[in-house]
């Protein structure tokens, strides 16, 4: 399965992705995005984790306004 970076505050999303068999990495700093196939962010910060440039080559999913199931579906869609 995929390696997914998820912001720490999204515990329900992390659990749901792990149940699906994905490897989940906590996003605490820019370096945590290394080797991630996809990242899930809260969308609450304009510049995620204080980053003004994008170092993530894969898709970034904004979880704002979505439940864990919807976010998991978005992850699957982006990775397929």
PDB file of N, CA and C in Angstrom:
ATOM      1  N   UNK A   1       0.842  -1.181   0.000  1.00  0.00           N
ATOM      2  CA  UNK A   1       0.000   0.000   0.000  1.00  0.00           C
ATOM      3  C   UNK A   1       0.887   1.245   0.000  1.00  0.00           C
ATOM      4  N   UNK A   2       0.257   2.398   0.027  1.00  0.00           N
ATOM      5  CA  UNK A   2       0.967   3.669  -0.104  1.00  0.00           C
ATOM      6  C   UNK A   2       1.447   4.195   1.243  1.00  0.00           C
ATOM      7  N   UNK A   3       2.425   5.077   1.151  1.00  0.00           N
ATOM      8  CA  UNK A   3       2.915   5.800   2.332  1.00  0.00           C
ATOM      9  C   UNK A   3       2.258   7.174   2.302  1.00  0.00           C
ATOM     10  N   UNK A   4       1.442   7.460   3.327  1.00  0.00           N
ATOM     11  CA  UNK A   4       0.645   8.680   3.372  1.00  0.00           C
ATOM     12  C   UNK A   4       1.095   9.541   4.544  1.00  0.00           C
ATOM     13  N   UNK A   5       1.413  10.794   4.271  1.00  0.00           N
ATOM     14  CA  UNK A   5       1.721  11.749   5.326  1.00  0.00           C
ATOM     15  C   UNK A   5       0.446  12.432   5.764  1.00  0.00           C
ATOM     16  N   UNK A   6       0.203  12.489   7.082  1.00  0.00           N
ATOM     17  CA  UNK A   6      -1.035  13.075   7.608  1.00  0.00           C
ATOM     18  C   UNK A   6      -0.687  14.010   8.757  1.00  0.00           C
ATOM     19  N   UNK A   7      -1.275  15.211   8.743  1.00  0.00           N
ATOM     20  CA  UNK A   7      -1.063  16.139   9.852  1.00  0.00           C
ATOM     21  C   UNK A   7      -1.533  15.504  11.152  1.00  0.00           C
ATOM     22  N   UNK A   8      -0.810  15.797  12.228  1.00  0.00           N
ATOM     23  CA  UNK A   8      -1.043  15.142  13.520  1.00  0.00           C
ATOM     24  C   UNK A   8      -2.463  15.275  14.043  1.00  0.00           C
ATOM     25  N   UNK A   9      -3.128  16.387  13.781  1.00  0.00           N
ATOM     26  CA  UNK A   9      -4.465  16.618  14.347  1.00  0.00           C
ATOM     27  C   UNK A   9      -5.556  15.788  13.674  1.00  0.00           C
ATOM     28  N   UNK A  10      -5.230  15.091  12.608  1.00  0.00           N
ATOM     29  CA  UNK A  10      -6.224  14.300  11.881  1.00  0.00           C
ATOM     30  C   UNK A  10      -6.186  12.825  12.296  1.00  0.00           C
ATOM     31  N   UNK A  11      -6.388  12.574  13.575  1.00  0.00           N
ATOM     32  CA  UNK A  11      -6.291  11.216  14.125  1.00  0.00           C
ATOM     33  C   UNK A  11      -7.292  10.264  13.476  1.00  0.00           C
ATOM     34  N   UNK A  12      -8.514  10.708  13.233  1.00  0.00           N
ATOM     35  CA  UNK A  12      -9.516   9.827  12.633  1.00  0.00           C
ATOM     36  C   UNK A  12      -9.124   9.428  11.218  1.00  0.00           C
ATOM     37  N   UNK A  13      -8.530  10.349  10.484  1.00  0.00           N
ATOM     38  CA  UNK A  13      -8.067  10.052   9.125  1.00  0.00           C
ATOM     39  C   UNK A  13      -6.897   9.077   9.184  1.00  0.00           C
ATOM     40  N   UNK A  14      -5.957   9.310  10.107  1.00  0.00           N
ATOM     41  CA  UNK A  14      -4.813   8.403  10.257  1.00  0.00           C
ATOM     42  C   UNK A  14      -5.278   6.978  10.524  1.00  0.00           C
ATOM     43  N   UNK A  15      -6.214   6.837  11.467  1.00  0.00           N
ATOM     44  CA  UNK A  15      -6.719   5.501  11.823  1.00  0.00           C
ATOM     45  C   UNK A  15      -7.407   4.828  10.644  1.00  0.00           C
ATOM     46  N   UNK A  16      -8.210   5.582   9.924  1.00  0.00           N
ATOM     47  CA  UNK A  16      -8.927   5.016   8.779  1.00  0.00           C
ATOM     48  C   UNK A  16      -7.959   4.577   7.686  1.00  0.00           C
ATOM     49  N   UNK A  17      -6.927   5.375   7.428  1.00  0.00           N
ATOM     50  CA  UNK A  17      -5.945   5.016   6.408  1.00  0.00           C
ATOM     51  C   UNK A  17      -5.140   3.784   6.820  1.00  0.00           C
ATOM     52  N   UNK A  18      -4.803   3.683   8.112  1.00  0.00           N
ATOM     53  CA  UNK A  18      -4.077   2.506   8.595  1.00  0.00           C
ATOM     54  C   UNK A  18      -4.936   1.257   8.476  1.00  0.00           C
ATOM     55  N   UNK A  19      -6.242   1.382   8.753  1.00  0.00           N
ATOM     56  CA  UNK A  19      -7.156   0.249   8.618  1.00  0.00           C
ATOM     57  C   UNK A  19      -7.225  -0.228   7.170  1.00  0.00           C
ATOM     58  N   UNK A  20      -7.019   0.692   6.233  1.00  0.00           N
ATOM     59  CA  UNK A  20      -7.029   0.341   4.815  1.00  0.00           C
ATOM     60  C   UNK A  20      -5.711  -0.299   4.382  1.00  0.00           C
ATOM     61  N   UNK A  21      -4.722  -0.303   5.287  1.00  0.00           N
ATOM     62  CA  UNK A  21      -3.445  -0.938   4.984  1.00  0.00           C
ATOM     63  C   UNK A  21      -2.336   0.008   4.569  1.00  0.00           C
ATOM     64  N   UNK A  22      -2.591   1.311   4.601  1.00  0.00           N
ATOM     65  CA  UNK A  22      -1.575   2.284   4.228  1.00  0.00           C
ATOM     66  C   UNK A  22      -0.583   2.498   5.372  1.00  0.00           C
ATOM     67  N   UNK A  23       0.646   2.831   5.019  1.00  0.00           N
ATOM     68  CA  UNK A  23       1.635   3.264   6.006  1.00  0.00           C
ATOM     69  C   UNK A  23       1.401   4.758   6.229  1.00  0.00           C
ATOM     70  N   UNK A  24       1.203   5.153   7.483  1.00  0.00           N
ATOM     71  CA  UNK A  24       0.891   6.546   7.802  1.00  0.00           C
ATOM     72  C   UNK A  24       2.063   7.177   8.548  1.00  0.00           C
ATOM     73  N   UNK A  25       2.452   8.374   8.087  1.00  0.00           N
ATOM     74  CA  UNK A  25       3.553   9.127   8.670  1.00  0.00           C
ATOM     75  C   UNK A  25       2.997  10.441   9.205  1.00  0.00           C
ATOM     76  N   UNK A  26       3.348  10.796  10.449  1.00  0.00           N
ATOM     77  CA  UNK A  26       2.935  12.096  10.997  1.00  0.00           C
ATOM     78  C   UNK A  26       3.713  13.206  10.318  1.00  0.00           C
ATOM     79  N   UNK A  27       3.005  14.253   9.897  1.00  0.00           N
ATOM     80  CA  UNK A  27       3.662  15.409   9.290  1.00  0.00           C
ATOM     81  C   UNK A  27       3.914  16.451  10.373  1.00  0.00           C
ATOM     82  N   UNK A  28       5.162  16.550  10.785  1.00  0.00           N
ATOM     83  CA  UNK A  28       5.557  17.544  11.790  1.00  0.00           C
ATOM     84  C   UNK A  28       6.441  18.621  11.191  1.00  0.00           C
ATOM     85  N   UNK A  29       7.151  18.258  10.126  1.00  0.00           N
ATOM     86  CA  UNK A  29       8.059  19.199   9.468  1.00  0.00           C
ATOM     87  C   UNK A  29       8.111  18.880   7.979  1.00  0.00           C
ATOM     88  N   UNK A  30       8.764  19.740   7.239  1.00  0.00           N
ATOM     89  CA  UNK A  30       8.870  19.570   5.797  1.00  0.00           C
ATOM     90  C   UNK A  30       9.570  18.257   5.428  1.00  0.00           C
ATOM     91  N   UNK A  31      10.532  17.839   6.235  1.00  0.00           N
ATOM     92  CA  UNK A  31      11.265  16.606   5.956  1.00  0.00           C
ATOM     93  C   UNK A  31      10.375  15.373   6.027  1.00  0.00           C
ATOM     94  N   UNK A  32       9.281  15.449   6.777  1.00  0.00           N
ATOM     95  CA  UNK A  32       8.382  14.299   6.920  1.00  0.00           C
ATOM     96  C   UNK A  32       7.659  13.951   5.623  1.00  0.00           C
ATOM     97  N   UNK A  33       7.645  14.869   4.659  1.00  0.00           N
ATOM     98  CA  UNK A  33       6.974  14.595   3.384  1.00  0.00           C
ATOM     99  C   UNK A  33       7.825  13.727   2.463  1.00  0.00           C
ATOM    100  N   UNK A  34       9.112  13.554   2.811  1.00  0.00           N
ATOM    101  CA  UNK A  34      10.005  12.762   1.964  1.00  0.00           C
ATOM    102  C   UNK A  34       9.474  11.340   1.820  1.00  0.00           C
ATOM    103  N   UNK A  35       9.464  10.867   0.616  1.00  0.00           N
ATOM    104  CA  UNK A  35       9.068   9.500   0.288  1.00  0.00           C
ATOM    105  C   UNK A  35       7.584   9.211   0.509  1.00  0.00           C
ATOM    106  N   UNK A  36       6.773  10.236   0.720  1.00  0.00           N
ATOM    107  CA  UNK A  36       5.324  10.030   0.842  1.00  0.00           C
ATOM    108  C   UNK A  36       4.700  10.021  -0.553  1.00  0.00           C
ATOM    109  N   UNK A  37       3.761   9.131  -0.744  1.00  0.00           N
ATOM    110  CA  UNK A  37       3.045   9.063  -2.015  1.00  0.00           C
ATOM    111  C   UNK A  37       1.955  10.121  -2.093  1.00  0.00           C
ATOM    112  N   UNK A  38       1.505  10.582  -0.917  1.00  0.00           N
ATOM    113  CA  UNK A  38       0.402  11.532  -0.826  1.00  0.00           C
ATOM    114  C   UNK A  38       0.438  12.147   0.568  1.00  0.00           C
ATOM    115  N   UNK A  39      -0.045  13.378   0.701  1.00  0.00           N
ATOM    116  CA  UNK A  39      -0.136  14.018   2.016  1.00  0.00           C
ATOM    117  C   UNK A  39      -1.550  14.532   2.246  1.00  0.00           C
ATOM    118  N   UNK A  40      -1.998  14.462   3.500  1.00  0.00           N
ATOM    119  CA  UNK A  40      -3.311  14.964   3.891  1.00  0.00           C
ATOM    120  C   UNK A  40      -3.085  16.062   4.918  1.00  0.00           C
ATOM    121  N   UNK A  41      -3.647  17.240   4.638  1.00  0.00           N
ATOM    122  CA  UNK A  41      -3.481  18.396   5.522  1.00  0.00           C
ATOM    123  C   UNK A  41      -4.837  18.876   6.023  1.00  0.00           C
ATOM    124  N   UNK A  42      -4.811  19.647   7.104  1.00  0.00           N
ATOM    125  CA  UNK A  42      -6.059  20.168   7.663  1.00  0.00           C
ATOM    126  C   UNK A  42      -6.606  21.320   6.842  1.00  0.00           C
ATOM    127  N   UNK A  43      -5.741  22.039   6.166  1.00  0.00           N
ATOM    128  CA  UNK A  43      -6.170  23.194   5.390  1.00  0.00           C
ATOM    129  C   UNK A  43      -6.378  24.423   6.236  1.00  0.00           C
ATOM    130  N   UNK A  44      -6.046  24.354   7.518  1.00  0.00           N
ATOM    131  CA  UNK A  44      -6.260  25.491   8.406  1.00  0.00           C
ATOM    132  C   UNK A  44      -5.165  26.532   8.283  1.00  0.00           C
ATOM    133  N   UNK A  45      -3.978  26.121   7.848  1.00  0.00           N
ATOM    134  CA  UNK A  45      -2.866  27.048   7.688  1.00  0.00           C
ATOM    135  C   UNK A  45      -2.711  27.401   6.228  1.00  0.00           C
ATOM    136  N   UNK A  46      -2.432  28.662   5.962  1.00  0.00           N
ATOM    137  CA  UNK A  46      -2.207  29.077   4.582  1.00  0.00           C
ATOM    138  C   UNK A  46      -0.956  28.400   4.027  1.00  0.00           C
ATOM    139  N   UNK A  47       0.125  28.437   4.787  1.00  0.00           N
ATOM    140  CA  UNK A  47       1.362  27.772   4.422  1.00  0.00           C
ATOM    141  C   UNK A  47       1.558  26.619   5.388  1.00  0.00           C
ATOM    142  N   UNK A  48       1.284  25.409   4.930  1.00  0.00           N
ATOM    143  CA  UNK A  48       1.307  24.225   5.774  1.00  0.00           C
ATOM    144  C   UNK A  48       2.652  24.089   6.468  1.00  0.00           C
ATOM    145  N   UNK A  49       2.621  23.938   7.773  1.00  0.00           N
ATOM    146  CA  UNK A  49       3.811  23.725   8.580  1.00  0.00           C
ATOM    147  C   UNK A  49       4.842  24.816   8.374  1.00  0.00           C
ATOM    148  N   UNK A  50       4.402  26.027   8.007  1.00  0.00           N
ATOM    149  CA  UNK A  50       5.324  27.132   7.830  1.00  0.00           C
ATOM    150  C   UNK A  50       6.093  27.090   6.530  1.00  0.00           C
ATOM    151  N   UNK A  51       5.715  26.199   5.612  1.00  0.00           N
ATOM    152  CA  UNK A  51       6.423  26.086   4.348  1.00  0.00           C
ATOM    153  C   UNK A  51       5.827  27.055   3.343  1.00  0.00           C
ATOM    154  N   UNK A  52       6.675  27.809   2.684  1.00  0.00           N
ATOM    155  CA  UNK A  52       6.188  28.717   1.659  1.00  0.00           C
ATOM    156  C   UNK A  52       6.375  28.138   0.263  1.00  0.00           C
ATOM    157  N   UNK A  53       7.168  27.083   0.146  1.00  0.00           N
ATOM    158  CA  UNK A  53       7.353  26.410  -1.134  1.00  0.00           C
ATOM    159  C   UNK A  53       6.922  24.961  -0.978  1.00  0.00           C
ATOM    160  N   UNK A  54       6.568  24.352  -2.071  1.00  0.00           N
ATOM    161  CA  UNK A  54       6.102  22.972  -2.038  1.00  0.00           C
ATOM    162  C   UNK A  54       7.264  22.023  -2.290  1.00  0.00           C
ATOM    163  N   UNK A  55       7.493  21.124  -1.357  1.00  0.00           N
ATOM    164  CA  UNK A  55       8.546  20.124  -1.535  1.00  0.00           C
ATOM    165  C   UNK A  55       7.948  18.763  -1.834  1.00  0.00           C
ATOM    166  N   UNK A  56       6.645  18.673  -1.812  1.00  0.00           N
ATOM    167  CA  UNK A  56       5.940  17.412  -2.031  1.00  0.00           C
ATOM    168  C   UNK A  56       5.662  17.240  -3.514  1.00  0.00           C
ATOM    169  N   UNK A  57       6.141  16.156  -4.089  1.00  0.00           N
ATOM    170  CA  UNK A  57       5.927  15.913  -5.507  1.00  0.00           C
ATOM    171  C   UNK A  57       4.561  15.276  -5.772  1.00  0.00           C
ATOM    172  N   UNK A  58       4.050  14.513  -4.796  1.00  0.00           N
ATOM    173  CA  UNK A  58       2.774  13.830  -4.958  1.00  0.00           C
ATOM    174  C   UNK A  58       1.597  14.723  -4.620  1.00  0.00           C
ATOM    175  N   UNK A  59       0.401  14.166  -4.688  1.00  0.00           N
ATOM    176  CA  UNK A  59      -0.802  14.935  -4.404  1.00  0.00           C
ATOM    177  C   UNK A  59      -0.914  15.329  -2.926  1.00  0.00           C
ATOM    178  N   UNK A  60      -1.491  16.504  -2.701  1.00  0.00           N
ATOM    179  CA  UNK A  60      -1.775  16.995  -1.351  1.00  0.00           C
ATOM    180  C   UNK A  60      -3.280  17.153  -1.250  1.00  0.00           C
ATOM    181  N   UNK A  61      -3.867  16.535  -0.245  1.00  0.00           N
ATOM    182  CA  UNK A  61      -5.324  16.555  -0.069  1.00  0.00           C
ATOM    183  C   UNK A  61      -5.670  17.416   1.123  1.00  0.00           C
ATOM    184  N   UNK A  62      -6.567  18.364   0.911  1.00  0.00           N
ATOM    185  CA  UNK A  62      -7.050  19.251   1.959  1.00  0.00           C
ATOM    186  C   UNK A  62      -8.266  18.589   2.605  1.00  0.00           C
ATOM    187  N   UNK A  63      -8.154  18.225   3.881  1.00  0.00           N
ATOM    188  CA  UNK A  63      -9.218  17.505   4.579  1.00  0.00           C
ATOM    189  C   UNK A  63     -10.291  18.430   5.155  1.00  0.00           C
ATOM    190  N   UNK A  64     -10.101  19.737   5.037  1.00  0.00           N
ATOM    191  CA  UNK A  64     -11.039  20.689   5.634  1.00  0.00           C
ATOM    192  C   UNK A  64     -12.457  20.458   5.094  1.00  0.00           C
ATOM    193  N   UNK A  65     -13.405  20.270   6.004  1.00  0.00           N
ATOM    194  CA  UNK A  65     -14.802  20.088   5.635  1.00  0.00           C
ATOM    195  C   UNK A  65     -15.176  18.680   5.220  1.00  0.00           C
ATOM    196  N   UNK A  66     -14.251  17.730   5.350  1.00  0.00           N
ATOM    197  CA  UNK A  66     -14.521  16.352   4.947  1.00  0.00           C
ATOM    198  C   UNK A  66     -14.348  15.411   6.137  1.00  0.00           C
ATOM    199  N   UNK A  67     -15.124  14.335   6.155  1.00  0.00           N
ATOM    200  CA  UNK A  67     -14.945  13.333   7.204  1.00  0.00           C
ATOM    201  C   UNK A  67     -13.873  12.335   6.769  1.00  0.00           C
ATOM    202  N   UNK A  68     -13.495  11.441   7.681  1.00  0.00           N
ATOM    203  CA  UNK A  68     -12.403  10.500   7.418  1.00  0.00           C
ATOM    204  C   UNK A  68     -12.689   9.621   6.199  1.00  0.00           C
ATOM    205  N   UNK A  69     -13.922   9.167   6.056  1.00  0.00           N
ATOM    206  CA  UNK A  69     -14.278   8.311   4.921  1.00  0.00           C
ATOM    207  C   UNK A  69     -14.100   9.047   3.598  1.00  0.00           C
ATOM    208  N   UNK A  70     -14.545  10.296   3.548  1.00  0.00           N
ATOM    209  CA  UNK A  70     -14.401  11.093   2.330  1.00  0.00           C
ATOM    210  C   UNK A  70     -12.929  11.319   1.991  1.00  0.00           C
ATOM    211  N   UNK A  71     -12.118  11.590   3.013  1.00  0.00           N
ATOM    212  CA  UNK A  71     -10.692  11.814   2.790  1.00  0.00           C
ATOM    213  C   UNK A  71     -10.037  10.537   2.258  1.00  0.00           C
ATOM    214  N   UNK A  72     -10.402   9.383   2.819  1.00  0.00           N
ATOM    215  CA  UNK A  72      -9.860   8.113   2.342  1.00  0.00           C
ATOM    216  C   UNK A  72     -10.230   7.871   0.882  1.00  0.00           C
ATOM    217  N   UNK A  73     -11.447   8.230   0.504  1.00  0.00           N
ATOM    218  CA  UNK A  73     -11.865   8.089  -0.888  1.00  0.00           C
ATOM    219  C   UNK A  73     -11.051   9.009  -1.788  1.00  0.00           C
ATOM    220  N   UNK A  74     -10.776  10.229  -1.319  1.00  0.00           N
ATOM    221  CA  UNK A  74      -9.958  11.156  -2.102  1.00  0.00           C
ATOM    222  C   UNK A  74      -8.542  10.625  -2.268  1.00  0.00           C
ATOM    223  N   UNK A  75      -7.993  10.036  -1.206  1.00  0.00           N
ATOM    224  CA  UNK A  75      -6.643   9.442  -1.271  1.00  0.00           C
ATOM    225  C   UNK A  75      -6.642   8.335  -2.318  1.00  0.00           C
ATOM    226  N   UNK A  76      -7.615   7.431  -2.247  1.00  0.00           N
ATOM    227  CA  UNK A  76      -7.687   6.328  -3.218  1.00  0.00           C
ATOM    228  C   UNK A  76      -7.796   6.854  -4.644  1.00  0.00           C
ATOM    229  N   UNK A  77      -8.607   7.878  -4.842  1.00  0.00           N
ATOM    230  CA  UNK A  77      -8.768   8.457  -6.184  1.00  0.00           C
ATOM    231  C   UNK A  77      -7.472   9.053  -6.708  1.00  0.00           C
ATOM    232  N   UNK A  78      -6.738   9.735  -5.838  1.00  0.00           N
ATOM    233  CA  UNK A  78      -5.483  10.366  -6.250  1.00  0.00           C
ATOM    234  C   UNK A  78      -4.400   9.338  -6.552  1.00  0.00           C
ATOM    235  N   UNK A  79      -4.427   8.230  -5.829  1.00  0.00           N
ATOM    236  CA  UNK A  79      -3.372   7.226  -5.985  1.00  0.00           C
ATOM    237  C   UNK A  79      -3.661   6.186  -7.054  1.00  0.00           C
ATOM    238  N   UNK A  80      -4.890   6.180  -7.559  1.00  0.00           N
ATOM    239  CA  UNK A  80      -5.233   5.155  -8.570  1.00  0.00           C
ATOM    240  C   UNK A  80      -4.985   5.660  -9.981  1.00  0.00           C
TER     241      UNK A  80
END
